[in-house]
PDB file of N, CA and C in Angstrom:
ATOM      1  N   MET A   1       1.186  -0.833   0.049  1.00  0.00           N
ATOM      2  CA  MET A   1      -0.296  -0.011  -0.232  1.00  0.00           C
ATOM      3  C   MET A   1       1.267   1.445  -0.288  1.00  0.00           C
ATOM      4  N   ARG A   2       0.482   2.776  -0.939  1.00  0.00           N
ATOM      5  CA  ARG A   2       1.408   3.803  -0.736  1.00  0.00           C
ATOM      6  C   ARG A   2       0.409   4.099   0.407  1.00  0.00           C
ATOM      7  N   ILE A   3       1.502   4.817   0.843  1.00  0.00           N
ATOM      8  CA  ILE A   3       0.423   6.010   1.949  1.00  0.00           C
ATOM      9  C   ILE A   3       1.766   6.806   2.249  1.00  0.00           C
ATOM     10  N   ALA A   4       1.006   8.352   2.549  1.00  0.00           N
ATOM     11  CA  ALA A   4       1.404   9.398   2.084  1.00  0.00           C
ATOM     12  C   ALA A   4       0.903   9.756   3.721  1.00  0.00           C
ATOM     13  N   MET A   5       1.223  10.178   4.521  1.00  0.00           N
ATOM     14  CA  MET A   5       1.603  10.559   5.881  1.00  0.00           C
ATOM     15  C   MET A   5       1.615  11.960   5.921  1.00  0.00           C
ATOM     16  N   ILE A   6       1.103  12.721   6.636  1.00  0.00           N
ATOM     17  CA  ILE A   6       1.548  14.702   6.345  1.00  0.00           C
ATOM     18  C   ILE A   6       1.568  14.986   8.242  1.00  0.00           C
ATOM     19  N   SER A   7       2.605  15.449   8.291  1.00  0.00           N
ATOM     20  CA  SER A   7       3.140  16.104   9.469  1.00  0.00           C
ATOM     21  C   SER A   7       2.887  17.242   9.674  1.00  0.00           C
ATOM     22  N   GLU A   8       2.140  18.378  10.336  1.00  0.00           N
ATOM     23  CA  GLU A   8       2.419  19.179  10.437  1.00  0.00           C
ATOM     24  C   GLU A   8       3.009  19.786  10.785  1.00  0.00           C
ATOM     25  N   HIS A   9       3.210  19.234  12.241  1.00  0.00           N
ATOM     26  CA  HIS A   9       4.434  20.364  12.765  1.00  0.00           C
ATOM     27  C   HIS A   9       6.186  19.244  13.503  1.00  0.00           C
ATOM     28  N   ALA A  10       5.615  18.371  13.190  1.00  0.00           N
ATOM     29  CA  ALA A  10       6.771  16.984  13.096  1.00  0.00           C
ATOM     30  C   ALA A  10       7.180  17.067  12.449  1.00  0.00           C
ATOM     31  N   SER A  11       8.371  16.898  12.315  1.00  0.00           N
ATOM     32  CA  SER A  11       9.434  16.480  11.349  1.00  0.00           C
ATOM     33  C   SER A  11      10.636  15.047  11.684  1.00  0.00           C
ATOM     34  N   PRO A  12      10.309  13.476  11.652  1.00  0.00           N
ATOM     35  CA  PRO A  12      11.008  12.555  12.120  1.00  0.00           C
ATOM     36  C   PRO A  12      12.355  13.043  11.962  1.00  0.00           C
ATOM     37  N   LEU A  13      13.201  13.483  11.326  1.00  0.00           N
ATOM     38  CA  LEU A  13      14.416  13.470  10.686  1.00  0.00           C
ATOM     39  C   LEU A  13      15.059  14.983  11.993  1.00  0.00           C
ATOM     40  N   ALA A  14      13.677  15.068  12.599  1.00  0.00           N
ATOM     41  CA  ALA A  14      14.879  16.606  14.055  1.00  0.00           C
ATOM     42  C   ALA A  14      15.741  16.401  14.853  1.00  0.00           C
ATOM     43  N   ILE A  15      16.665  16.286  15.244  1.00  0.00           N
ATOM     44  CA  ILE A  15      17.384  16.103  16.241  1.00  0.00           C
ATOM     45  C   ILE A  15      16.514  16.165  17.634  1.00  0.00           C
ATOM     46  N   LEU A  16      16.131  14.530  18.405  1.00  0.00           N
ATOM     47  CA  LEU A  16      15.634  14.583  20.104  1.00  0.00           C
ATOM     48  C   LEU A  16      16.598  15.325  20.564  1.00  0.00           C
ATOM     49  N   GLY A  17      16.163  16.605  21.186  1.00  0.00           N
ATOM     50  CA  GLY A  17      16.252  17.606  22.553  1.00  0.00           C
ATOM     51  C   GLY A  17      16.348  18.753  21.785  1.00  0.00           C
ATOM     52  N   GLY A  18      15.997  19.038  20.538  1.00  0.00           N
ATOM     53  CA  GLY A  18      16.363  20.181  19.243  1.00  0.00           C
ATOM     54  C   GLY A  18      15.147  21.021  20.658  1.00  0.00           C
ATOM     55  N   GLU A  19      15.223  22.460  19.278  1.00  0.00           N
ATOM     56  CA  GLU A  19      14.136  22.764  20.322  1.00  0.00           C
ATOM     57  C   GLU A  19      12.752  22.587  19.801  1.00  0.00           C
ATOM     58  N   ASP A  20      12.885  22.920  18.474  1.00  0.00           N
ATOM     59  CA  ASP A  20      11.063  22.187  18.307  1.00  0.00           C
ATOM     60  C   ASP A  20      11.314  20.033  17.751  1.00  0.00           C
ATOM     61  N   ALA A  21      11.642  19.182  18.771  1.00  0.00           N
ATOM     62  CA  ALA A  21      11.982  17.857  18.696  1.00  0.00           C
ATOM     63  C   ALA A  21      11.479  17.069  20.319  1.00  0.00           C
ATOM     64  N   GLY A  22      10.189  16.375  19.998  1.00  0.00           N
ATOM     65  CA  GLY A  22      10.118  15.442  21.170  1.00  0.00           C
ATOM     66  C   GLY A  22       9.232  14.250  20.262  1.00  0.00           C
ATOM     67  N   GLY A  23       8.010  14.195  21.339  1.00  0.00           N
ATOM     68  CA  GLY A  23       7.745  12.992  21.042  1.00  0.00           C
ATOM     69  C   GLY A  23       6.433  13.220  19.823  1.00  0.00           C
ATOM     70  N   GLN A  24       5.770  13.975  19.590  1.00  0.00           N
ATOM     71  CA  GLN A  24       5.152  13.897  17.836  1.00  0.00           C
ATOM     72  C   GLN A  24       6.661  13.402  16.841  1.00  0.00           C
ATOM     73  N   ASN A  25       7.790  14.181  17.124  1.00  0.00           N
ATOM     74  CA  ASN A  25       8.817  13.717  16.475  1.00  0.00           C
ATOM     75  C   ASN A  25       9.017  12.050  15.981  1.00  0.00           C
ATOM     76  N   THR A  26       9.186  11.806  17.570  1.00  0.00           N
ATOM     77  CA  THR A  26       9.238   9.785  17.768  1.00  0.00           C
ATOM     78  C   THR A  26       8.313   9.252  16.876  1.00  0.00           C
ATOM     79  N   HIS A  27       6.811   9.756  17.181  1.00  0.00           N
ATOM     80  CA  HIS A  27       5.818   9.573  17.187  1.00  0.00           C
ATOM     81  C   HIS A  27       5.997   8.724  15.658  1.00  0.00           C
ATOM     82  N   VAL A  28       6.147   9.670  15.086  1.00  0.00           N
ATOM     83  CA  VAL A  28       6.051   9.547  12.749  1.00  0.00           C
ATOM     84  C   VAL A  28       7.244   9.198  12.710  1.00  0.00           C
ATOM     85  N   ALA A  29       8.186   9.372  12.795  1.00  0.00           N
ATOM     86  CA  ALA A  29       9.427   8.840  12.846  1.00  0.00           C
ATOM     87  C   ALA A  29       9.237   7.100  12.571  1.00  0.00           C
ATOM     88  N   GLU A  30       8.817   6.175  14.354  1.00  0.00           N
ATOM     89  CA  GLU A  30       8.370   5.083  14.336  1.00  0.00           C
ATOM     90  C   GLU A  30       7.372   4.452  13.762  1.00  0.00           C
ATOM     91  N   LEU A  31       6.537   5.078  13.503  1.00  0.00           N
ATOM     92  CA  LEU A  31       5.251   4.638  13.225  1.00  0.00           C
ATOM     93  C   LEU A  31       5.419   4.336  11.089  1.00  0.00           C
ATOM     94  N   SER A  32       6.179   5.760  11.069  1.00  0.00           N
ATOM     95  CA  SER A  32       6.368   5.293   9.478  1.00  0.00           C
ATOM     96  C   SER A  32       7.553   4.263   9.457  1.00  0.00           C
ATOM     97  N   ALA A  33       8.545   3.844  10.006  1.00  0.00           N
ATOM     98  CA  ALA A  33       9.100   3.193   9.847  1.00  0.00           C
ATOM     99  C   ALA A  33       9.154   1.288  10.098  1.00  0.00           C
ATOM    100  N   ALA A  34       7.640   1.691  11.018  1.00  0.00           N
ATOM    101  CA  ALA A  34       6.822  -0.025  11.512  1.00  0.00           C
ATOM    102  C   ALA A  34       6.254   0.104   9.301  1.00  0.00           C
ATOM    103  N   LEU A  35       5.410   0.803   8.973  1.00  0.00           N
ATOM    104  CA  LEU A  35       4.817   0.744   7.965  1.00  0.00           C
ATOM    105  C   LEU A  35       4.993   0.211   7.041  1.00  0.00           C
ATOM    106  N   ALA A  36       7.168   0.345   7.151  1.00  0.00           N
ATOM    107  CA  ALA A  36       7.273   0.535   5.822  1.00  0.00           C
ATOM    108  C   ALA A  36       8.464  -1.379   6.014  1.00  0.00           C
ATOM    109  N   ALA A  37       8.543  -1.051   7.209  1.00  0.00           N
ATOM    110  CA  ALA A  37       8.488  -2.568   7.637  1.00  0.00           C
ATOM    111  C   ALA A  37       7.983  -3.948   7.188  1.00  0.00           C
ATOM    112  N   ALA A  38       6.862  -3.151   6.651  1.00  0.00           N
ATOM    113  CA  ALA A  38       5.722  -3.822   7.048  1.00  0.00           C
ATOM    114  C   ALA A  38       5.206  -4.204   5.649  1.00  0.00           C
ATOM    115  N   GLY A  39       5.921  -3.164   4.382  1.00  0.00           N
ATOM    116  CA  GLY A  39       5.770  -3.727   3.785  1.00  0.00           C
ATOM    117  C   GLY A  39       4.926  -2.655   2.252  1.00  0.00           C
ATOM    118  N   HIS A  40       4.875  -1.855   3.131  1.00  0.00           N
ATOM    119  CA  HIS A  40       4.221  -0.346   2.374  1.00  0.00           C
ATOM    120  C   HIS A  40       5.437   1.072   2.434  1.00  0.00           C
ATOM    121  N   ASP A  41       4.706   1.543   1.373  1.00  0.00           N
ATOM    122  CA  ASP A  41       5.347   2.435   1.047  1.00  0.00           C
ATOM    123  C   ASP A  41       5.645   3.634   1.147  1.00  0.00           C
ATOM    124  N   VAL A  42       6.105   4.246   2.138  1.00  0.00           N
ATOM    125  CA  VAL A  42       6.046   5.968   3.024  1.00  0.00           C
ATOM    126  C   VAL A  42       6.335   6.784   2.905  1.00  0.00           C
ATOM    127  N   ARG A  43       5.786   7.318   2.868  1.00  0.00           N
ATOM    128  CA  ARG A  43       6.001   9.099   2.717  1.00  0.00           C
ATOM    129  C   ARG A  43       5.910   9.928   3.173  1.00  0.00           C
ATOM    130  N   VAL A  44       7.141  11.384   4.312  1.00  0.00           N
ATOM    131  CA  VAL A  44       6.230  11.725   5.028  1.00  0.00           C
ATOM    132  C   VAL A  44       6.126  13.084   4.131  1.00  0.00           C
ATOM    133  N   TYR A  45       5.429  13.597   4.039  1.00  0.00           N
ATOM    134  CA  TYR A  45       4.658  15.638   3.872  1.00  0.00           C
ATOM    135  C   TYR A  45       4.972  16.282   5.200  1.00  0.00           C
TER     136      TYR A  45
END
């Protein structure tokens, strides 16, 4: 399945502990990675 995930505020590439990096960044990154590991084509915008 092709999945387009839109993350308005959080960048999954942000370094944790930075000014705008926290739980939402981690959630977007881990959810995207899990979906990709399950065989899906995931794009985060």
